[in-house]
Amino acid sequence: MPSPARSRPRLPRGRAADAALASGLFLVVGLGTLRSLIGAREEPWAVTAANWVLIAVACGALYFSSRRPVAAASVAALATAVYYVTSAYDGPLLLAVVVALFLVAAAGRLHAAVVIAALCLIGTALGTIRGNGDVNQVALFMLTGWFVAMITLGGLRHSHLARARETEERAATQERLRIARELHDVVGHHLSLINVQSTAALRRLTKDPAAGADQATEALGAVKDASREALRELRATLGVLREAGEAAPTAPAPGLGRLGELTDAAGAAGLAVTVHRTGDTGPLPVEADLAAYRIVQESLTNVARHARATRADIHLDGDGDGGRLTVTVTDDGRGPAADPARTGPPGSGITGMRERARALGGDLTAGPAPGGGFSVRATLPLARTTATEEPRR
């Protein structure tokens, strides 16, 4: 059984919409000008035929309105002006000019729409002054109102579409930043562990191939596990880019319930990790749980990559009354400031962690710990909140 969305008729778009607009307008104007083909003659047939050509030109010009709105409106206005000067039969061809002005303004060409409308009004006013009885001052005033209304509506539509595009682009940018942050956290963490373990295995095999074989085998096993986990999380992260109709990933979102996986992986890399829990630390909202997990993951990645530490302490402090979770990761290493390898520009790890915290309305600080080493401290509200300021890049 077809779904309601599929059975609903769709409006034409693109050139089909332009053709529908031009054809529909020609039909309306033609019906309003039929009296030029029937009844008593007020002008020669040759003049009537020429005027019908002008009607076709004025309406047909709107077929090009989406690609050349100003040119289409200019042609429609010129053909309409010649028609009203040469035809003895009054008709609704002025609709072509009204619609064309709306389309020009909707395309964001307000100045061009005002100029075309002003020229049309000046020409009509000159005809009225020279004694044209078909248009009096009241009709000229009403025509001015129509032009102003159409240009105003077109400008409002342009503003609405511009805001919609801006909102869509902003949402796309935020989604790209979120995906980039997820990829950085997932790939960076596991690749750091792979790098540490493979380096250790190579060093042991180089120093003593016979005695270091067992230790190298253990390190390569850790590399295998880390690479498999990296691939699994990478597939889950890239699931947001899947095409419509594809099955959603079934793996649960990372959270503090999987903290043991991080500590085991860090332990395999030679880093002793201890987890301390105080207060009420669960269950947590999905957003806060994921942010806390990623902050711990990135902190441990930085410790393994830069700190030259032997141990790290993770403190989770849940404040049930205040509705917030404090995550602190401290190591006994030298810290990034003292690492001579860190001579280049700072990476995006701490920036990404800070953006995660601020996206939930929290904050994150990172710097040397009082007793040595490096400390990362994040405060995450546990309610659904929105940051009051944009994350600083």
Protein backbone atom coordinates (compact mmCIF):
# COMPACT_ATOMS: atom_id res chain seq x y z
CA MET A 1 0.00 0.00 0.00
CA PRO A 2 1.59 3.33 -1.03
CA SER A 3 2.39 5.71 1.79
CA PRO A 4 0.56 9.08 1.99
CA ALA A 5 3.85 10.88 1.32
CA ARG A 6 4.28 9.04 -1.98
CA SER A 7 0.68 9.42 -3.13
CA ARG A 8 0.69 13.17 -2.46
CA PRO A 9 1.02 15.13 -5.74
CA ARG A 10 4.24 17.05 -6.14
CA LEU A 11 4.45 20.58 -7.47
CA PRO A 12 6.68 21.06 -10.53
CA ARG A 13 10.16 22.41 -9.94
CA GLY A 14 12.90 24.00 -11.99
CA ARG A 15 12.16 24.52 -15.66
CA ALA A 16 8.92 22.57 -15.35
CA ALA A 17 7.71 25.16 -12.83
CA ASP A 18 8.77 27.98 -15.17
CA ALA A 19 6.91 26.38 -18.06
CA ALA A 20 3.81 25.86 -15.89
CA LEU A 21 3.88 29.52 -14.79
CA ALA A 22 4.26 30.86 -18.34
CA SER A 23 1.59 28.53 -19.74
CA GLY A 24 -0.87 29.23 -16.94
CA LEU A 25 -0.43 32.97 -17.27
CA PHE A 26 -0.88 32.79 -21.04
CA LEU A 27 -4.10 30.82 -20.51
CA VAL A 28 -5.49 33.39 -18.07
CA VAL A 29 -4.54 36.36 -20.23
CA GLY A 30 -5.82 34.62 -23.36
CA LEU A 31 -9.22 33.94 -21.79
CA GLY A 32 -9.42 37.60 -20.77
CA THR A 33 -8.61 38.73 -24.33
CA LEU A 34 -10.92 36.38 -26.27
CA ARG A 35 -13.22 39.24 -27.23
CA SER A 36 -10.53 40.40 -29.67
CA LEU A 37 -11.22 37.24 -31.70
CA ILE A 38 -15.02 37.22 -31.55
CA GLY A 39 -17.69 39.86 -31.97
CA ALA A 40 -17.49 43.16 -33.81
CA ARG A 41 -14.09 44.20 -35.09
CA GLU A 42 -12.44 47.26 -33.54
CA GLU A 43 -9.07 46.83 -35.26
CA PRO A 44 -7.66 45.04 -38.34
CA TRP A 45 -6.91 41.35 -38.06
CA ALA A 46 -3.21 42.02 -38.68
CA VAL A 47 -3.04 44.25 -35.61
CA THR A 48 -4.91 41.63 -33.55
CA ALA A 49 -2.48 38.92 -34.66
CA ALA A 50 0.50 41.11 -33.75
CA ASN A 51 -1.01 41.81 -30.34
CA TRP A 52 -1.46 38.08 -29.67
CA VAL A 53 2.22 37.65 -30.50
CA LEU A 54 2.97 40.33 -27.88
CA ILE A 55 0.85 38.41 -25.36
CA ALA A 56 2.82 35.23 -26.09
CA VAL A 57 6.11 37.12 -25.76
CA ALA A 58 5.15 38.77 -22.45
CA CYS A 59 3.95 35.51 -20.90
CA GLY A 60 6.66 33.37 -22.47
CA ALA A 61 9.36 35.64 -21.05
CA LEU A 62 8.46 34.36 -17.59
CA TYR A 63 9.78 30.95 -18.61
CA PHE A 64 13.24 32.45 -18.14
CA SER A 65 12.41 34.21 -14.87
CA SER A 66 14.28 31.79 -12.60
CA ARG A 67 17.50 32.12 -14.63
CA ARG A 68 17.26 35.72 -15.90
CA PRO A 69 14.64 37.43 -13.73
CA VAL A 70 15.55 41.03 -14.66
CA ALA A 71 15.75 40.32 -18.40
CA ALA A 72 12.47 38.37 -18.31
CA ALA A 73 10.71 41.20 -16.45
CA SER A 74 12.10 43.80 -18.85
CA VAL A 75 10.85 41.87 -21.91
CA ALA A 76 7.45 41.31 -20.30
CA ALA A 77 7.14 45.01 -19.40
CA LEU A 78 8.17 46.17 -22.90
CA ALA A 79 5.82 43.76 -24.67
CA THR A 80 2.97 44.79 -22.35
CA ALA A 81 3.61 48.49 -22.99
CA VAL A 82 3.53 48.00 -26.79
CA TYR A 83 0.38 45.89 -26.47
CA TYR A 84 -1.58 48.53 -24.57
CA VAL A 85 -0.46 51.24 -26.98
CA THR A 86 -1.42 49.36 -30.16
CA SER A 87 -4.40 47.20 -29.10
CA ALA A 88 -7.97 48.41 -29.17
CA TYR A 89 -8.97 45.64 -26.78
CA ASP A 90 -8.12 45.99 -23.14
CA GLY A 91 -6.93 42.77 -21.49
CA PRO A 92 -5.29 41.45 -18.31
CA LEU A 93 -1.78 41.33 -19.79
CA LEU A 94 -0.63 43.59 -16.95
CA LEU A 95 -0.61 40.42 -14.82
CA ALA A 96 2.60 39.41 -16.60
CA VAL A 97 4.32 42.55 -15.33
CA VAL A 98 2.96 42.10 -11.79
CA VAL A 99 4.15 38.49 -11.60
CA ALA A 100 7.51 39.40 -13.15
CA LEU A 101 8.10 42.12 -10.54
CA PHE A 102 7.38 39.63 -7.76
CA LEU A 103 9.87 37.15 -9.23
CA VAL A 104 12.57 39.80 -9.61
CA ALA A 105 12.17 40.87 -5.96
CA ALA A 106 12.05 37.23 -4.82
CA ALA A 107 15.40 36.70 -6.56
CA GLY A 108 16.89 39.46 -4.39
CA ARG A 109 17.04 42.10 -7.15
CA LEU A 110 14.98 44.73 -5.32
CA HIS A 111 16.62 47.72 -7.01
CA ALA A 112 15.96 46.28 -10.46
CA ALA A 113 12.32 45.57 -9.52
CA VAL A 114 11.88 49.17 -8.31
CA VAL A 115 13.41 50.58 -11.52
CA ILE A 116 11.18 48.45 -13.79
CA ALA A 117 8.09 49.34 -11.76
CA ALA A 118 8.97 53.04 -11.82
CA LEU A 119 9.42 53.00 -15.61
CA CYS A 120 6.06 51.28 -16.05
CA LEU A 121 4.34 53.84 -13.80
CA ILE A 122 6.02 56.77 -15.54
CA GLY A 123 4.94 55.47 -18.94
CA THR A 124 1.38 54.92 -17.73
CA ALA A 125 1.29 58.38 -16.16
CA LEU A 126 2.48 60.01 -19.39
CA GLY A 127 -0.26 58.21 -21.27
CA THR A 128 -2.82 59.44 -18.76
CA ILE A 129 -1.58 63.02 -19.06
CA ARG A 130 -1.84 62.87 -22.86
CA GLY A 131 -5.49 61.98 -22.62
CA ASN A 132 -5.65 58.19 -22.43
CA GLY A 133 -9.13 57.56 -21.12
CA ASP A 134 -8.51 53.94 -20.17
CA VAL A 135 -6.34 54.89 -17.16
CA ASN A 136 -7.28 57.67 -14.77
CA GLN A 137 -5.59 58.88 -11.62
CA VAL A 138 -7.43 56.38 -9.40
CA ALA A 139 -6.36 53.49 -11.64
CA LEU A 140 -2.77 54.78 -11.61
CA PHE A 141 -2.82 54.91 -7.80
CA MET A 142 -4.16 51.34 -7.62
CA LEU A 143 -1.52 50.18 -10.11
CA THR A 144 1.15 51.73 -7.90
CA GLY A 145 -0.25 49.82 -4.92
CA TRP A 146 -0.13 46.56 -6.84
CA PHE A 147 3.50 47.12 -7.83
CA VAL A 148 4.53 48.04 -4.28
CA ALA A 149 2.69 45.03 -2.86
CA MET A 150 4.29 42.59 -5.30
CA ILE A 151 7.79 43.94 -4.74
CA THR A 152 7.28 43.83 -0.97
CA LEU A 153 6.01 40.24 -1.06
CA GLY A 154 8.88 39.22 -3.30
CA GLY A 155 11.40 40.83 -0.94
CA LEU A 156 9.85 39.05 2.04
CA ARG A 157 10.04 35.72 0.23
CA HIS A 158 13.69 36.35 -0.60
CA SER A 159 14.43 37.13 3.06
CA HIS A 160 12.57 34.01 4.19
CA LEU A 161 14.49 31.77 1.78
CA ALA A 162 17.78 33.41 2.77
CA ARG A 163 17.07 32.75 6.46
CA ALA A 164 16.11 29.16 5.68
CA ARG A 165 19.35 28.62 3.74
CA GLU A 166 21.37 30.21 6.54
CA THR A 167 19.70 27.98 9.12
CA GLU A 168 20.34 24.91 6.98
CA GLU A 169 23.99 25.87 6.45
CA ARG A 170 24.45 26.53 10.16
CA ALA A 171 22.95 23.14 11.01
CA ALA A 172 25.18 21.47 8.42
CA THR A 173 28.24 23.23 9.87
CA GLN A 174 27.37 22.12 13.39
CA GLU A 175 26.85 18.58 12.17
CA ARG A 176 30.20 18.60 10.39
CA LEU A 177 31.87 19.87 13.56
CA ARG A 178 30.16 17.16 15.61
CA ILE A 179 31.23 14.45 13.18
CA ALA A 180 34.77 15.83 13.05
CA ARG A 181 34.89 15.83 16.86
CA GLU A 182 33.63 12.25 17.01
CA LEU A 183 36.14 11.10 14.40
CA HIS A 184 38.96 12.88 16.19
CA ASP A 185 38.06 11.27 19.50
CA VAL A 186 37.58 7.77 18.10
CA VAL A 187 40.44 7.62 15.61
CA GLY A 188 42.88 9.69 17.68
CA HIS A 189 42.48 7.60 20.81
CA HIS A 190 42.89 4.21 19.22
CA LEU A 191 45.62 5.25 16.80
CA SER A 192 47.57 6.68 19.72
CA LEU A 193 47.35 3.32 21.50
CA ILE A 194 48.35 1.53 18.31
CA ASN A 195 51.33 3.86 17.91
CA VAL A 196 52.47 3.34 21.51
CA GLN A 197 52.10 -0.44 21.38
CA SER A 198 53.72 -0.87 17.96
CA THR A 199 56.62 1.37 19.02
CA ALA A 200 57.09 -0.70 22.18
CA ALA A 201 56.99 -3.95 20.22
CA LEU A 202 59.54 -2.67 17.71
CA ARG A 203 61.85 -1.44 20.49
CA ARG A 204 61.73 -4.80 22.32
CA LEU A 205 62.40 -6.78 19.17
CA THR A 206 65.27 -4.48 18.25
CA LYS A 207 66.96 -4.66 21.66
CA ASP A 208 66.56 -8.38 22.28
CA PRO A 209 64.72 -10.38 19.58
CA ALA A 210 64.70 -13.57 21.59
CA ALA A 211 63.73 -12.28 25.04
CA GLY A 212 61.38 -9.60 23.75
CA ALA A 213 59.31 -11.85 21.50
CA ASP A 214 56.69 -12.59 24.16
CA GLN A 215 56.35 -8.95 25.13
CA ALA A 216 56.16 -7.93 21.46
CA THR A 217 53.45 -10.52 20.87
CA GLU A 218 51.46 -9.09 23.76
CA ALA A 219 51.87 -5.56 22.39
CA LEU A 220 50.80 -6.64 18.90
CA GLY A 221 47.73 -8.28 20.41
CA ALA A 222 46.85 -4.95 21.99
CA VAL A 223 47.35 -3.30 18.57
CA LYS A 224 44.94 -5.80 17.05
CA ASP A 225 42.30 -5.13 19.72
CA ALA A 226 42.69 -1.35 19.44
CA SER A 227 42.41 -1.42 15.64
CA ARG A 228 39.30 -3.61 15.78
CA GLU A 229 37.68 -1.26 18.32
CA ALA A 230 38.65 1.76 16.20
CA LEU A 231 36.97 0.24 13.14
CA ARG A 232 33.82 -0.59 15.10
CA GLU A 233 33.45 2.91 16.55
CA LEU A 234 34.35 4.50 13.22
CA ARG A 235 31.55 2.60 11.50
CA ALA A 236 29.10 3.67 14.21
CA THR A 237 30.19 7.30 13.90
CA LEU A 238 29.93 7.30 10.12
CA GLY A 239 26.45 5.82 10.43
CA VAL A 240 25.08 9.37 10.53
CA LEU A 241 26.22 9.74 6.92
CA ARG A 242 24.38 6.66 5.67
CA GLU A 243 21.82 7.01 2.89
CA ALA A 244 18.11 6.97 3.54
CA GLY A 245 16.75 3.47 4.01
CA GLU A 246 19.92 1.99 5.45
CA ALA A 247 19.69 0.25 8.79
CA ALA A 248 20.68 2.30 11.81
CA PRO A 249 23.67 1.12 13.86
CA THR A 250 22.61 -1.19 16.67
CA ALA A 251 25.65 -0.72 18.93
CA PRO A 252 24.93 1.35 22.05
CA ALA A 253 26.36 4.84 22.25
CA PRO A 254 29.64 5.08 24.22
CA GLY A 255 29.23 6.11 27.85
CA LEU A 256 30.81 5.80 31.27
CA GLY A 257 29.48 2.25 31.45
CA ARG A 258 32.24 1.37 28.98
CA LEU A 259 34.94 3.15 30.99
CA GLY A 260 36.58 -0.18 31.70
CA GLU A 261 37.42 -0.56 28.00
CA LEU A 262 39.39 2.69 28.10
CA THR A 263 41.26 1.78 31.27
CA ASP A 264 42.08 -1.70 29.93
CA ALA A 265 43.37 -0.24 26.67
CA ALA A 266 45.45 2.33 28.54
CA GLY A 267 46.78 -0.39 30.83
CA ALA A 268 47.85 -2.42 27.81
CA ALA A 269 49.80 0.66 26.69
CA GLY A 270 51.68 0.72 30.00
CA LEU A 271 49.57 3.38 31.74
CA ALA A 272 48.11 2.51 35.14
CA VAL A 273 44.64 4.05 35.38
CA THR A 274 42.55 4.28 38.55
CA VAL A 275 38.88 5.34 38.58
CA HIS A 276 37.43 7.11 41.63
CA ARG A 277 33.67 7.62 41.92
CA THR A 278 32.01 9.89 44.49
CA GLY A 279 28.44 11.05 44.79
CA ASP A 280 25.71 10.03 42.38
CA THR A 281 27.31 9.29 38.99
CA GLY A 282 24.51 7.47 37.22
CA PRO A 283 22.39 6.88 35.33
CA LEU A 284 23.22 9.92 33.19
CA PRO A 285 21.44 11.61 30.28
CA VAL A 286 22.70 10.31 26.95
CA GLU A 287 24.35 13.60 25.96
CA ALA A 288 26.21 13.99 29.27
CA ASP A 289 27.19 10.31 29.33
CA LEU A 290 28.67 10.50 25.83
CA ALA A 291 30.45 13.80 26.55
CA ALA A 292 31.98 12.44 29.77
CA TYR A 293 33.17 9.31 27.99
CA ARG A 294 34.74 11.29 25.13
CA ILE A 295 36.46 13.70 27.52
CA VAL A 296 38.01 10.81 29.46
CA GLN A 297 38.95 9.12 26.19
CA GLU A 298 40.64 12.21 24.77
CA SER A 299 42.39 12.92 28.07
CA LEU A 300 43.86 9.43 28.17
CA THR A 301 44.86 9.78 24.54
CA ASN A 302 46.77 12.96 25.34
CA VAL A 303 48.41 11.30 28.34
CA ALA A 304 49.58 8.34 26.26
CA ARG A 305 50.72 10.55 23.39
CA HIS A 306 52.38 13.52 25.08
CA ALA A 307 52.68 13.27 28.87
CA ARG A 308 55.24 10.46 29.30
CA ALA A 309 53.24 9.43 32.34
CA THR A 310 53.09 6.12 34.18
CA ARG A 311 49.71 6.56 35.85
CA ALA A 312 46.49 8.51 35.52
CA ASP A 313 43.60 9.08 37.91
CA ILE A 314 39.99 9.55 36.80
CA HIS A 315 37.68 11.21 39.32
CA LEU A 316 33.91 11.16 38.70
CA ASP A 317 31.94 13.32 41.14
CA GLY A 318 28.16 13.39 40.76
CA ASP A 319 26.26 16.19 42.49
CA GLY A 320 22.67 14.99 42.67
CA ASP A 321 21.40 18.22 44.25
CA GLY A 322 23.17 20.49 41.77
CA GLY A 323 22.42 18.22 38.82
CA ARG A 324 25.96 18.12 37.48
CA LEU A 325 28.84 15.75 36.94
CA THR A 326 32.50 16.71 37.42
CA VAL A 327 35.05 14.70 35.46
CA THR A 328 38.73 15.11 36.37
CA VAL A 329 41.63 13.31 34.69
CA THR A 330 45.08 13.84 36.24
CA ASP A 331 48.39 12.25 35.27
CA ASP A 332 51.89 12.21 36.73
CA GLY A 333 53.63 13.07 33.49
CA ARG A 334 55.59 16.09 32.42
CA GLY A 335 52.60 17.88 30.88
CA PRO A 336 52.34 19.21 27.31
CA ALA A 337 54.13 22.49 28.17
CA ALA A 338 57.27 20.63 29.24
CA ASP A 339 57.28 18.19 26.35
CA PRO A 340 60.00 19.25 23.88
CA ALA A 341 58.17 17.44 21.10
CA ARG A 342 55.25 19.81 21.50
CA THR A 343 56.87 22.77 19.74
CA GLY A 344 54.19 23.26 17.09
CA PRO A 345 50.71 24.77 17.37
CA PRO A 346 48.33 23.17 19.86
CA GLY A 347 46.08 20.41 18.61
CA SER A 348 42.31 20.28 18.60
CA GLY A 349 41.93 17.78 21.45
CA ILE A 350 41.43 20.22 24.34
CA THR A 351 39.40 22.52 22.09
CA GLY A 352 37.12 19.63 21.15
CA MET A 353 36.67 18.62 24.79
CA ARG A 354 35.86 22.21 25.74
CA GLU A 355 33.29 22.42 22.91
CA ARG A 356 31.65 19.23 24.14
CA ALA A 357 31.32 20.63 27.65
CA ARG A 358 30.01 24.00 26.49
CA ALA A 359 27.51 22.39 24.14
CA LEU A 360 25.81 21.03 27.28
CA GLY A 361 26.09 24.33 29.15
CA GLY A 362 29.16 23.26 31.13
CA ASP A 363 32.82 24.17 31.03
CA LEU A 364 36.25 22.58 30.90
CA THR A 365 39.64 23.68 32.16
CA ALA A 366 43.00 22.10 31.39
CA GLY A 367 46.48 22.89 32.68
CA PRO A 368 49.36 21.81 34.89
CA ALA A 369 48.28 20.06 38.09
CA PRO A 370 49.42 21.56 41.46
CA GLY A 371 51.45 18.48 42.39
CA GLY A 372 52.91 17.99 38.94
CA GLY A 373 51.59 16.44 35.79
CA PHE A 374 48.56 17.65 33.88
CA SER A 375 44.89 17.92 34.84
CA VAL A 376 41.68 18.14 32.82
CA ARG A 377 38.54 19.10 34.72
CA ALA A 378 35.09 19.21 33.10
CA THR A 379 31.80 20.21 34.69
CA LEU A 380 28.74 18.86 32.87
CA PRO A 381 25.14 19.81 33.75
CA LEU A 382 22.93 16.76 33.73
CA ALA A 383 19.80 18.56 32.49
CA ARG A 384 19.12 19.34 28.84
CA THR A 385 20.58 22.79 28.49
CA THR A 386 21.88 24.95 25.71
CA ALA A 387 25.12 26.83 25.93
CA THR A 388 24.69 30.56 26.32
CA GLU A 389 27.61 31.31 24.06
CA GLU A 390 29.04 29.88 20.91
CA PRO A 391 32.06 27.62 21.39
CA ARG A 392 35.31 29.46 20.82
CA ARG A 393 37.44 27.97 18.11
